[in-house]
Amino acid sequence: STAAARRQAEQAARWLQTHYAEAVSISELAKALGYHRSHLSKVFRSVTGLSPMQYLQNIRLRRAMALLGTELSVEQVAASCGFSDPLYFSRQFKRSAGCSPSAYRARLVNP
C-alpha cells in the first residue's frame, strides 16, 4: 500500500540521516531495516523520487555546506560527512553547489 511504502521510505530516510557519516551501502541499509534491497530501492524511489544513495549524497552535501562555515579543513569536512576521498568529495560538492568547497567557504566569509 501507499501508506506502507511511505512508512518504509521514511524509516530508510531516518536511518540514512543517522548514519550518513558512515560508509553505507544499499545492502547494509536494507539489512538494517529488514527489507530486500531491490524492494527498498523501488519503494524509496517511488516515494522520494531519489535512490537511497542519491538521498544519502544529498544529506552529506547539505551537512558539508554547514560544516564549511566552521574552522574544519576541507579534508575534515569530507571525512565528517562520510566521504573517504577528499577529491571525490570536492568533485561531488562542485557538481551540487556549482563551486568548490573552498570557494563556497570564501562566500560564507565574504558574502
PDB file of N, CA and C in Angstrom:
ATOM      1  N   SER A   1       0.836  -1.198   0.000  1.00  0.00           N
ATOM      2  CA  SER A   1       0.000   0.000   0.000  1.00  0.00           C
ATOM      3  C   SER A   1       0.871   1.248   0.000  1.00  0.00           C
ATOM      4  N   THR A   2       0.260   2.343  -0.354  1.00  0.00           N
ATOM      5  CA  THR A   2       0.999   3.602  -0.417  1.00  0.00           C
ATOM      6  C   THR A   2       1.451   4.045   0.969  1.00  0.00           C
ATOM      7  N   ALA A   3       0.599   3.858   1.962  1.00  0.00           N
ATOM      8  CA  ALA A   3       0.963   4.238   3.332  1.00  0.00           C
ATOM      9  C   ALA A   3       2.145   3.402   3.817  1.00  0.00           C
ATOM     10  N   ALA A   4       2.133   2.121   3.499  1.00  0.00           N
ATOM     11  CA  ALA A   4       3.241   1.245   3.899  1.00  0.00           C
ATOM     12  C   ALA A   4       4.529   1.660   3.190  1.00  0.00           C
ATOM     13  N   ALA A   5       4.432   1.985   1.911  1.00  0.00           N
ATOM     14  CA  ALA A   5       5.610   2.421   1.152  1.00  0.00           C
ATOM     15  C   ALA A   5       6.174   3.705   1.749  1.00  0.00           C
ATOM     16  N   ARG A   6       5.293   4.646   2.067  1.00  0.00           N
ATOM     17  CA  ARG A   6       5.736   5.908   2.657  1.00  0.00           C
ATOM     18  C   ARG A   6       6.424   5.658   4.003  1.00  0.00           C
ATOM     19  N   ARG A   7       5.841   4.768   4.797  1.00  0.00           N
ATOM     20  CA  ARG A   7       6.406   4.443   6.108  1.00  0.00           C
ATOM     21  C   ARG A   7       7.797   3.810   5.946  1.00  0.00           C
ATOM     22  N   GLN A   8       7.938   2.902   4.992  1.00  0.00           N
ATOM     23  CA  GLN A   8       9.234   2.258   4.752  1.00  0.00           C
ATOM     24  C   GLN A   8      10.271   3.274   4.270  1.00  0.00           C
ATOM     25  N   ALA A   9       9.862   4.165   3.380  1.00  0.00           N
ATOM     26  CA  ALA A   9      10.784   5.190   2.870  1.00  0.00           C
ATOM     27  C   ALA A   9      11.196   6.144   3.987  1.00  0.00           C
ATOM     28  N   GLU A  10      10.252   6.522   4.839  1.00  0.00           N
ATOM     29  CA  GLU A  10      10.571   7.412   5.963  1.00  0.00           C
ATOM     30  C   GLU A  10      11.528   6.735   6.935  1.00  0.00           C
ATOM     31  N   GLN A  11      11.310   5.447   7.168  1.00  0.00           N
ATOM     32  CA  GLN A  11      12.193   4.682   8.041  1.00  0.00           C
ATOM     33  C   GLN A  11      13.612   4.656   7.454  1.00  0.00           C
ATOM     34  N   ALA A  12      13.708   4.424   6.164  1.00  0.00           N
ATOM     35  CA  ALA A  12      15.013   4.405   5.498  1.00  0.00           C
ATOM     36  C   ALA A  12      15.663   5.787   5.542  1.00  0.00           C
ATOM     37  N   ALA A  13      14.877   6.836   5.310  1.00  0.00           N
ATOM     38  CA  ALA A  13      15.411   8.201   5.337  1.00  0.00           C
ATOM     39  C   ALA A  13      15.958   8.534   6.724  1.00  0.00           C
ATOM     40  N   ARG A  14      15.214   8.171   7.760  1.00  0.00           N
ATOM     41  CA  ARG A  14      15.692   8.418   9.134  1.00  0.00           C
ATOM     42  C   ARG A  14      16.994   7.674   9.401  1.00  0.00           C
ATOM     43  N   TRP A  15      17.078   6.420   8.951  1.00  0.00           N
ATOM     44  CA  TRP A  15      18.296   5.634   9.152  1.00  0.00           C
ATOM     45  C   TRP A  15      19.473   6.308   8.448  1.00  0.00           C
ATOM     46  N   LEU A  16      19.252   6.761   7.218  1.00  0.00           N
ATOM     47  CA  LEU A  16      20.320   7.429   6.467  1.00  0.00           C
ATOM     48  C   LEU A  16      20.734   8.737   7.142  1.00  0.00           C
ATOM     49  N   GLN A  17      19.776   9.472   7.691  1.00  0.00           N
ATOM     50  CA  GLN A  17      20.097  10.728   8.375  1.00  0.00           C
ATOM     51  C   GLN A  17      20.940  10.478   9.623  1.00  0.00           C
ATOM     52  N   THR A  18      20.758   9.334  10.238  1.00  0.00           N
ATOM     53  CA  THR A  18      21.527   8.980  11.435  1.00  0.00           C
ATOM     54  C   THR A  18      22.914   8.450  11.082  1.00  0.00           C
ATOM     55  N   HIS A  19      23.024   7.721   9.979  1.00  0.00           N
ATOM     56  CA  HIS A  19      24.263   7.014   9.643  1.00  0.00           C
ATOM     57  C   HIS A  19      25.027   7.640   8.472  1.00  0.00           C
ATOM     58  N   TYR A  20      24.714   8.883   8.102  1.00  0.00           N
ATOM     59  CA  TYR A  20      25.308   9.487   6.901  1.00  0.00           C
ATOM     60  C   TYR A  20      26.828   9.571   6.943  1.00  0.00           C
ATOM     61  N   ALA A  21      27.418   9.666   8.135  1.00  0.00           N
ATOM     62  CA  ALA A  21      28.869   9.840   8.235  1.00  0.00           C
ATOM     63  C   ALA A  21      29.620   8.518   8.093  1.00  0.00           C
ATOM     64  N   GLU A  22      28.877   7.410   8.042  1.00  0.00           N
ATOM     65  CA  GLU A  22      29.493   6.091   7.942  1.00  0.00           C
ATOM     66  C   GLU A  22      29.561   5.649   6.477  1.00  0.00           C
ATOM     67  N   ALA A  23      30.369   4.634   6.219  1.00  0.00           N
ATOM     68  CA  ALA A  23      30.390   4.014   4.890  1.00  0.00           C
ATOM     69  C   ALA A  23      29.126   3.166   4.791  1.00  0.00           C
ATOM     70  N   VAL A  24      28.189   3.588   3.967  1.00  0.00           N
ATOM     71  CA  VAL A  24      26.868   2.953   3.897  1.00  0.00           C
ATOM     72  C   VAL A  24      26.642   2.396   2.497  1.00  0.00           C
ATOM     73  N   SER A  25      26.077   1.202   2.434  1.00  0.00           N
ATOM     74  CA  SER A  25      25.664   0.626   1.150  1.00  0.00           C
ATOM     75  C   SER A  25      24.164   0.371   1.198  1.00  0.00           C
ATOM     76  N   ILE A  26      23.558   0.228   0.035  1.00  0.00           N
ATOM     77  CA  ILE A  26      22.127  -0.073  -0.028  1.00  0.00           C
ATOM     78  C   ILE A  26      21.858  -1.427   0.629  1.00  0.00           C
ATOM     79  N   SER A  27      22.788  -2.371   0.485  1.00  0.00           N
ATOM     80  CA  SER A  27      22.620  -3.686   1.120  1.00  0.00           C
ATOM     81  C   SER A  27      22.601  -3.556   2.638  1.00  0.00           C
ATOM     82  N   GLU A  28      23.499  -2.731   3.166  1.00  0.00           N
ATOM     83  CA  GLU A  28      23.555  -2.520   4.612  1.00  0.00           C
ATOM     84  C   GLU A  28      22.279  -1.846   5.108  1.00  0.00           C
ATOM     85  N   LEU A  29      21.802  -0.861   4.380  1.00  0.00           N
ATOM     86  CA  LEU A  29      20.562  -0.174   4.740  1.00  0.00           C
ATOM     87  C   LEU A  29      19.398  -1.163   4.758  1.00  0.00           C
ATOM     88  N   ALA A  30      19.271  -1.948   3.699  1.00  0.00           N
ATOM     89  CA  ALA A  30      18.170  -2.913   3.605  1.00  0.00           C
ATOM     90  C   ALA A  30      18.242  -3.933   4.736  1.00  0.00           C
ATOM     91  N   LYS A  31      19.441  -4.417   5.018  1.00  0.00           N
ATOM     92  CA  LYS A  31      19.623  -5.401   6.090  1.00  0.00           C
ATOM     93  C   LYS A  31      19.248  -4.798   7.441  1.00  0.00           C
ATOM     94  N   ALA A  32      19.674  -3.564   7.690  1.00  0.00           N
ATOM     95  CA  ALA A  32      19.378  -2.905   8.966  1.00  0.00           C
ATOM     96  C   ALA A  32      17.874  -2.748   9.177  1.00  0.00           C
ATOM     97  N   LEU A  33      17.136  -2.554   8.087  1.00  0.00           N
ATOM     98  CA  LEU A  33      15.694  -2.326   8.190  1.00  0.00           C
ATOM     99  C   LEU A  33      14.875  -3.593   7.947  1.00  0.00           C
ATOM    100  N   GLY A  34      15.542  -4.670   7.527  1.00  0.00           N
ATOM    101  CA  GLY A  34      14.846  -5.932   7.325  1.00  0.00           C
ATOM    102  C   GLY A  34      14.082  -6.040   6.014  1.00  0.00           C
ATOM    103  N   TYR A  35      14.549  -5.325   4.974  1.00  0.00           N
ATOM    104  CA  TYR A  35      13.913  -5.388   3.662  1.00  0.00           C
ATOM    105  C   TYR A  35      14.901  -5.934   2.640  1.00  0.00           C
ATOM    106  N   HIS A  36      14.380  -6.460   1.541  1.00  0.00           N
ATOM    107  CA  HIS A  36      15.235  -6.850   0.426  1.00  0.00           C
ATOM    108  C   HIS A  36      15.697  -5.565  -0.259  1.00  0.00           C
ATOM    109  N   ARG A  37      16.935  -5.530  -0.689  1.00  0.00           N
ATOM    110  CA  ARG A  37      17.492  -4.273  -1.225  1.00  0.00           C
ATOM    111  C   ARG A  37      16.740  -3.771  -2.452  1.00  0.00           C
ATOM    112  N   SER A  38      16.323  -4.664  -3.354  1.00  0.00           N
ATOM    113  CA  SER A  38      15.620  -4.189  -4.554  1.00  0.00           C
ATOM    114  C   SER A  38      14.248  -3.622  -4.186  1.00  0.00           C
ATOM    115  N   HIS A  39      13.584  -4.245  -3.210  1.00  0.00           N
ATOM    116  CA  HIS A  39      12.286  -3.737  -2.741  1.00  0.00           C
ATOM    117  C   HIS A  39      12.468  -2.347  -2.131  1.00  0.00           C
ATOM    118  N   LEU A  40      13.457  -2.223  -1.261  1.00  0.00           N
ATOM    119  CA  LEU A  40      13.681  -0.945  -0.589  1.00  0.00           C
ATOM    120  C   LEU A  40      14.026   0.148  -1.599  1.00  0.00           C
ATOM    121  N   SER A  41      14.873  -0.161  -2.564  1.00  0.00           N
ATOM    122  CA  SER A  41      15.244   0.831  -3.587  1.00  0.00           C
ATOM    123  C   SER A  41      14.022   1.295  -4.367  1.00  0.00           C
ATOM    124  N   LYS A  42      13.189   0.337  -4.770  1.00  0.00           N
ATOM    125  CA  LYS A  42      11.993   0.660  -5.558  1.00  0.00           C
ATOM    126  C   LYS A  42      11.021   1.523  -4.748  1.00  0.00           C
ATOM    127  N   VAL A  43      10.764   1.117  -3.508  1.00  0.00           N
ATOM    128  CA  VAL A  43       9.838   1.854  -2.643  1.00  0.00           C
ATOM    129  C   VAL A  43      10.378   3.255  -2.364  1.00  0.00           C
ATOM    130  N   PHE A  44      11.661   3.338  -2.038  1.00  0.00           N
ATOM    131  CA  PHE A  44      12.262   4.629  -1.695  1.00  0.00           C
ATOM    132  C   PHE A  44      12.165   5.591  -2.874  1.00  0.00           C
ATOM    133  N   ARG A  45      12.510   5.096  -4.066  1.00  0.00           N
ATOM    134  CA  ARG A  45      12.460   5.950  -5.257  1.00  0.00           C
ATOM    135  C   ARG A  45      11.028   6.369  -5.573  1.00  0.00           C
ATOM    136  N   SER A  46      10.066   5.461  -5.378  1.00  0.00           N
ATOM    137  CA  SER A  46       8.672   5.798  -5.694  1.00  0.00           C
ATOM    138  C   SER A  46       8.146   6.890  -4.768  1.00  0.00           C
ATOM    139  N   VAL A  47       8.631   6.922  -3.532  1.00  0.00           N
ATOM    140  CA  VAL A  47       8.155   7.913  -2.557  1.00  0.00           C
ATOM    141  C   VAL A  47       8.936   9.222  -2.657  1.00  0.00           C
ATOM    142  N   THR A  48      10.267   9.135  -2.800  1.00  0.00           N
ATOM    143  CA  THR A  48      11.100  10.343  -2.741  1.00  0.00           C
ATOM    144  C   THR A  48      11.524  10.875  -4.103  1.00  0.00           C
ATOM    145  N   GLY A  49      11.486  10.024  -5.133  1.00  0.00           N
ATOM    146  CA  GLY A  49      11.996  10.428  -6.440  1.00  0.00           C
ATOM    147  C   GLY A  49      13.501  10.271  -6.560  1.00  0.00           C
ATOM    148  N   LEU A  50      14.148   9.768  -5.511  1.00  0.00           N
ATOM    149  CA  LEU A  50      15.596   9.569  -5.489  1.00  0.00           C
ATOM    150  C   LEU A  50      15.912   8.142  -5.081  1.00  0.00           C
ATOM    151  N   SER A  51      17.079   7.666  -5.472  1.00  0.00           N
ATOM    152  CA  SER A  51      17.543   6.388  -4.931  1.00  0.00           C
ATOM    153  C   SER A  51      18.016   6.643  -3.498  1.00  0.00           C
ATOM    154  N   PRO A  52      18.090   5.611  -2.673  1.00  0.00           N
ATOM    155  CA  PRO A  52      18.615   5.819  -1.317  1.00  0.00           C
ATOM    156  C   PRO A  52      20.016   6.430  -1.318  1.00  0.00           C
ATOM    157  N   MET A  53      20.857   6.032  -2.285  1.00  0.00           N
ATOM    158  CA  MET A  53      22.220   6.562  -2.317  1.00  0.00           C
ATOM    159  C   MET A  53      22.248   8.030  -2.759  1.00  0.00           C
ATOM    160  N   GLN A  54      21.342   8.427  -3.656  1.00  0.00           N
ATOM    161  CA  GLN A  54      21.241   9.849  -4.024  1.00  0.00           C
ATOM    162  C   GLN A  54      20.780  10.662  -2.814  1.00  0.00           C
ATOM    163  N   TYR A  55      19.829  10.127  -2.084  1.00  0.00           N
ATOM    164  CA  TYR A  55      19.329  10.799  -0.881  1.00  0.00           C
ATOM    165  C   TYR A  55      20.465  10.950   0.136  1.00  0.00           C
ATOM    166  N   LEU A  56      21.235   9.887   0.325  1.00  0.00           N
ATOM    167  CA  LEU A  56      22.376   9.924   1.243  1.00  0.00           C
ATOM    168  C   LEU A  56      23.382  10.988   0.803  1.00  0.00           C
ATOM    169  N   GLN A  57      23.663  11.035  -0.486  1.00  0.00           N
ATOM    170  CA  GLN A  57      24.599  12.034  -1.011  1.00  0.00           C
ATOM    171  C   GLN A  57      24.096  13.453  -0.710  1.00  0.00           C
ATOM    172  N   ASN A  58      22.797  13.679  -0.869  1.00  0.00           N
ATOM    173  CA  ASN A  58      22.225  14.995  -0.569  1.00  0.00           C
ATOM    174  C   ASN A  58      22.393  15.347   0.903  1.00  0.00           C
ATOM    175  N   ILE A  59      22.151  14.387   1.785  1.00  0.00           N
ATOM    176  CA  ILE A  59      22.340  14.625   3.224  1.00  0.00           C
ATOM    177  C   ILE A  59      23.788  15.021   3.482  1.00  0.00           C
ATOM    178  N   ARG A  60      24.709  14.256   2.927  1.00  0.00           N
ATOM    179  CA  ARG A  60      26.134  14.511   3.155  1.00  0.00           C
ATOM    180  C   ARG A  60      26.547  15.887   2.646  1.00  0.00           C
ATOM    181  N   LEU A  61      26.067  16.251   1.472  1.00  0.00           N
ATOM    182  CA  LEU A  61      26.459  17.544   0.898  1.00  0.00           C
ATOM    183  C   LEU A  61      25.844  18.709   1.660  1.00  0.00           C
ATOM    184  N   ARG A  62      24.597  18.573   2.122  1.00  0.00           N
ATOM    185  CA  ARG A  62      23.993  19.636   2.947  1.00  0.00           C
ATOM    186  C   ARG A  62      24.760  19.804   4.253  1.00  0.00           C
ATOM    187  N   ARG A  63      25.146  18.696   4.861  1.00  0.00           N
ATOM    188  CA  ARG A  63      25.923  18.748   6.102  1.00  0.00           C
ATOM    189  C   ARG A  63      27.282  19.399   5.837  1.00  0.00           C
ATOM    190  N   ALA A  64      27.888  19.059   4.715  1.00  0.00           N
ATOM    191  CA  ALA A  64      29.184  19.649   4.364  1.00  0.00           C
ATOM    192  C   ALA A  64      29.068  21.164   4.217  1.00  0.00           C
ATOM    193  N   MET A  65      27.978  21.627   3.600  1.00  0.00           N
ATOM    194  CA  MET A  65      27.781  23.073   3.454  1.00  0.00           C
ATOM    195  C   MET A  65      27.762  23.748   4.821  1.00  0.00           C
ATOM    196  N   ALA A  66      27.099  23.125   5.783  1.00  0.00           N
ATOM    197  CA  ALA A  66      27.058  23.693   7.133  1.00  0.00           C
ATOM    198  C   ALA A  66      28.451  23.669   7.769  1.00  0.00           C
ATOM    199  N   LEU A  67      29.165  22.567   7.617  1.00  0.00           N
ATOM    200  CA  LEU A  67      30.482  22.444   8.250  1.00  0.00           C
ATOM    201  C   LEU A  67      31.535  23.337   7.611  1.00  0.00           C
ATOM    202  N   LEU A  68      31.331  23.735   6.363  1.00  0.00           N
ATOM    203  CA  LEU A  68      32.295  24.637   5.731  1.00  0.00           C
ATOM    204  C   LEU A  68      32.268  26.021   6.376  1.00  0.00           C
ATOM    205  N   GLY A  69      31.259  26.287   7.181  1.00  0.00           N
ATOM    206  CA  GLY A  69      31.207  27.533   7.940  1.00  0.00           C
ATOM    207  C   GLY A  69      31.976  27.460   9.246  1.00  0.00           C
ATOM    208  N   THR A  70      32.644  26.331   9.496  1.00  0.00           N
ATOM    209  CA  THR A  70      33.423  26.151  10.726  1.00  0.00           C
ATOM    210  C   THR A  70      34.913  26.223  10.406  1.00  0.00           C
ATOM    211  N   GLU A  71      35.729  25.987  11.408  1.00  0.00           N
ATOM    212  CA  GLU A  71      37.187  26.021  11.240  1.00  0.00           C
ATOM    213  C   GLU A  71      37.758  24.716  10.679  1.00  0.00           C
ATOM    214  N   LEU A  72      36.924  23.699  10.490  1.00  0.00           N
ATOM    215  CA  LEU A  72      37.419  22.418   9.977  1.00  0.00           C
ATOM    216  C   LEU A  72      38.017  22.584   8.582  1.00  0.00           C
ATOM    217  N   SER A  73      39.071  21.819   8.300  1.00  0.00           N
ATOM    218  CA  SER A  73      39.637  21.832   6.949  1.00  0.00           C
ATOM    219  C   SER A  73      38.662  21.138   5.999  1.00  0.00           C
ATOM    220  N   VAL A  74      38.855  21.356   4.711  1.00  0.00           N
ATOM    221  CA  VAL A  74      38.003  20.700   3.716  1.00  0.00           C
ATOM    222  C   VAL A  74      38.111  19.180   3.866  1.00  0.00           C
ATOM    223  N   GLU A  75      39.309  18.677   4.136  1.00  0.00           N
ATOM    224  CA  GLU A  75      39.502  17.231   4.335  1.00  0.00           C
ATOM    225  C   GLU A  75      38.719  16.745   5.552  1.00  0.00           C
ATOM    226  N   GLN A  76      38.730  17.530   6.637  1.00  0.00           N
ATOM    227  CA  GLN A  76      37.984  17.152   7.843  1.00  0.00           C
ATOM    228  C   GLN A  76      36.481  17.191   7.587  1.00  0.00           C
ATOM    229  N   VAL A  77      36.033  18.180   6.833  1.00  0.00           N
ATOM    230  CA  VAL A  77      34.610  18.260   6.475  1.00  0.00           C
ATOM    231  C   VAL A  77      34.224  17.020   5.675  1.00  0.00           C
ATOM    232  N   ALA A  78      35.036  16.670   4.691  1.00  0.00           N
ATOM    233  CA  ALA A  78      34.753  15.489   3.864  1.00  0.00           C
ATOM    234  C   ALA A  78      34.625  14.245   4.735  1.00  0.00           C
ATOM    235  N   ALA A  79      35.601  14.024   5.605  1.00  0.00           N
ATOM    236  CA  ALA A  79      35.591  12.835   6.467  1.00  0.00           C
ATOM    237  C   ALA A  79      34.398  12.853   7.418  1.00  0.00           C
ATOM    238  N   SER A  80      34.054  14.010   7.945  1.00  0.00           N
ATOM    239  CA  SER A  80      32.927  14.130   8.881  1.00  0.00           C
ATOM    240  C   SER A  80      31.592  13.821   8.221  1.00  0.00           C
ATOM    241  N   CYS A  81      31.553  13.957   6.906  1.00  0.00           N
ATOM    242  CA  CYS A  81      30.299  13.761   6.171  1.00  0.00           C
ATOM    243  C   CYS A  81      30.245  12.421   5.442  1.00  0.00           C
ATOM    244  N   GLY A  82      31.191  11.536   5.732  1.00  0.00           N
ATOM    245  CA  GLY A  82      31.137  10.196   5.156  1.00  0.00           C
ATOM    246  C   GLY A  82      31.866  10.029   3.838  1.00  0.00           C
ATOM    247  N   PHE A  83      32.654  11.019   3.440  1.00  0.00           N
ATOM    248  CA  PHE A  83      33.439  10.905   2.206  1.00  0.00           C
ATOM    249  C   PHE A  83      34.850  10.462   2.575  1.00  0.00           C
ATOM    250  N   SER A  84      35.247   9.280   2.131  1.00  0.00           N
ATOM    251  CA  SER A  84      36.582   8.781   2.469  1.00  0.00           C
ATOM    252  C   SER A  84      37.652   9.401   1.573  1.00  0.00           C
ATOM    253  N   ASP A  85      37.251   9.944   0.431  1.00  0.00           N
ATOM    254  CA  ASP A  85      38.187  10.520  -0.534  1.00  0.00           C
ATOM    255  C   ASP A  85      37.893  12.011  -0.703  1.00  0.00           C
ATOM    256  N   PRO A  86      38.798  12.885  -0.227  1.00  0.00           N
ATOM    257  CA  PRO A  86      38.564  14.334  -0.336  1.00  0.00           C
ATOM    258  C   PRO A  86      38.398  14.825  -1.779  1.00  0.00           C
ATOM    259  N   LEU A  87      39.090  14.194  -2.731  1.00  0.00           N
ATOM    260  CA  LEU A  87      38.948  14.614  -4.131  1.00  0.00           C
ATOM    261  C   LEU A  87      37.563  14.268  -4.669  1.00  0.00           C
ATOM    262  N   TYR A  88      37.076  13.089  -4.316  1.00  0.00           N
ATOM    263  CA  TYR A  88      35.717  12.701  -4.715  1.00  0.00           C
ATOM    264  C   TYR A  88      34.710  13.664  -4.081  1.00  0.00           C
ATOM    265  N   PHE A  89      34.926  13.980  -2.806  1.00  0.00           N
ATOM    266  CA  PHE A  89      34.056  14.941  -2.120  1.00  0.00           C
ATOM    267  C   PHE A  89      34.043  16.270  -2.874  1.00  0.00           C
ATOM    268  N   SER A  90      35.214  16.776  -3.224  1.00  0.00           N
ATOM    269  CA  SER A  90      35.290  18.071  -3.919  1.00  0.00           C
ATOM    270  C   SER A  90      34.553  18.041  -5.254  1.00  0.00           C
ATOM    271  N   ARG A  91      34.711  16.936  -5.994  1.00  0.00           N
ATOM    272  CA  ARG A  91      34.002  16.816  -7.281  1.00  0.00           C
ATOM    273  C   ARG A  91      32.489  16.788  -7.075  1.00  0.00           C
ATOM    274  N   GLN A  92      32.035  16.008  -6.108  1.00  0.00           N
ATOM    275  CA  GLN A  92      30.598  15.910  -5.850  1.00  0.00           C
ATOM    276  C   GLN A  92      30.044  17.238  -5.334  1.00  0.00           C
ATOM    277  N   PHE A  93      30.806  17.896  -4.486  1.00  0.00           N
ATOM    278  CA  PHE A  93      30.376  19.183  -3.947  1.00  0.00           C
ATOM    279  C   PHE A  93      30.234  20.200  -5.074  1.00  0.00           C
ATOM    280  N   LYS A  94      31.237  20.249  -5.948  1.00  0.00           N
ATOM    281  CA  LYS A  94      31.206  21.210  -7.060  1.00  0.00           C
ATOM    282  C   LYS A  94      30.032  20.923  -7.987  1.00  0.00           C
ATOM    283  N   ARG A  95      29.764  19.639  -8.242  1.00  0.00           N
ATOM    284  CA  ARG A  95      28.634  19.262  -9.091  1.00  0.00           C
ATOM    285  C   ARG A  95      27.319  19.738  -8.463  1.00  0.00           C
ATOM    286  N   SER A  96      27.218  19.646  -7.157  1.00  0.00           N
ATOM    287  CA  SER A  96      25.983  20.010  -6.459  1.00  0.00           C
ATOM    288  C   SER A  96      25.855  21.520  -6.228  1.00  0.00           C
ATOM    289  N   ALA A  97      26.919  22.139  -5.739  1.00  0.00           N
ATOM    290  CA  ALA A  97      26.863  23.548  -5.329  1.00  0.00           C
ATOM    291  C   ALA A  97      27.290  24.517  -6.428  1.00  0.00           C
ATOM    292  N   GLY A  98      27.941  24.003  -7.472  1.00  0.00           N
ATOM    293  CA  GLY A  98      28.380  24.870  -8.553  1.00  0.00           C
ATOM    294  C   GLY A  98      29.714  25.548  -8.305  1.00  0.00           C
ATOM    295  N   CYS A  99      30.347  25.223  -7.183  1.00  0.00           N
ATOM    296  CA  CYS A  99      31.669  25.771  -6.883  1.00  0.00           C
ATOM    297  C   CYS A  99      32.396  24.796  -5.961  1.00  0.00           C
ATOM    298  N   SER A 100      33.689  24.983  -5.835  1.00  0.00           N
ATOM    299  CA  SER A 100      34.480  24.100  -4.975  1.00  0.00           C
ATOM    300  C   SER A 100      34.149  24.363  -3.503  1.00  0.00           C
ATOM    301  N   PRO A 101      34.468  23.417  -2.619  1.00  0.00           N
ATOM    302  CA  PRO A 101      34.259  23.663  -1.187  1.00  0.00           C
ATOM    303  C   PRO A 101      34.989  24.917  -0.698  1.00  0.00           C
ATOM    304  N   SER A 102      36.197  25.145  -1.191  1.00  0.00           N
ATOM    305  CA  SER A 102      36.960  26.331  -0.769  1.00  0.00           C
ATOM    306  C   SER A 102      36.279  27.618  -1.220  1.00  0.00           C
ATOM    307  N   ALA A 103      35.778  27.629  -2.455  1.00  0.00           N
ATOM    308  CA  ALA A 103      35.073  28.814  -2.960  1.00  0.00           C
ATOM    309  C   ALA A 103      33.778  29.030  -2.182  1.00  0.00           C
ATOM    310  N   TYR A 104      33.087  27.949  -1.844  1.00  0.00           N
ATOM    311  CA  TYR A 104      31.856  28.052  -1.053  1.00  0.00           C
ATOM    312  C   TYR A 104      32.167  28.656   0.312  1.00  0.00           C
ATOM    313  N   ARG A 105      33.243  28.193   0.937  1.00  0.00           N
ATOM    314  CA  ARG A 105      33.662  28.719   2.242  1.00  0.00           C
ATOM    315  C   ARG A 105      33.989  30.210   2.128  1.00  0.00           C
ATOM    316  N   ALA A 106      34.676  30.594   1.065  1.00  0.00           N
ATOM    317  CA  ALA A 106      35.035  32.004   0.883  1.00  0.00           C
ATOM    318  C   ALA A 106      33.781  32.865   0.771  1.00  0.00           C
ATOM    319  N   ARG A 107      32.746  32.344   0.111  1.00  0.00           N
ATOM    320  CA  ARG A 107      31.479  33.078   0.004  1.00  0.00           C
ATOM    321  C   ARG A 107      30.795  33.224   1.353  1.00  0.00           C
ATOM    322  N   LEU A 108      30.940  32.215   2.209  1.00  0.00           N
ATOM    323  CA  LEU A 108      30.342  32.295   3.547  1.00  0.00           C
ATOM    324  C   LEU A 108      31.014  33.390   4.367  1.00  0.00           C
ATOM    325  N   VAL A 109      32.333  33.513   4.185  1.00  0.00           N
ATOM    326  CA  VAL A 109      33.103  34.503   4.940  1.00  0.00           C
ATOM    327  C   VAL A 109      32.874  35.909   4.392  1.00  0.00           C
ATOM    328  N   ASN A 110      32.820  36.033   3.065  1.00  0.00           N
ATOM    329  CA  ASN A 110      32.624  37.335   2.405  1.00  0.00           C
ATOM    330  C   ASN A 110      31.446  37.252   1.442  1.00  0.00           C
ATOM    331  N   PRO A 111      30.222  37.323   1.971  1.00  0.00           N
ATOM    332  CA  PRO A 111      29.046  37.163   1.090  1.00  0.00           C
ATOM    333  C   PRO A 111      28.921  38.274   0.057  1.00  0.00           C
TER     334      PRO A 111
END
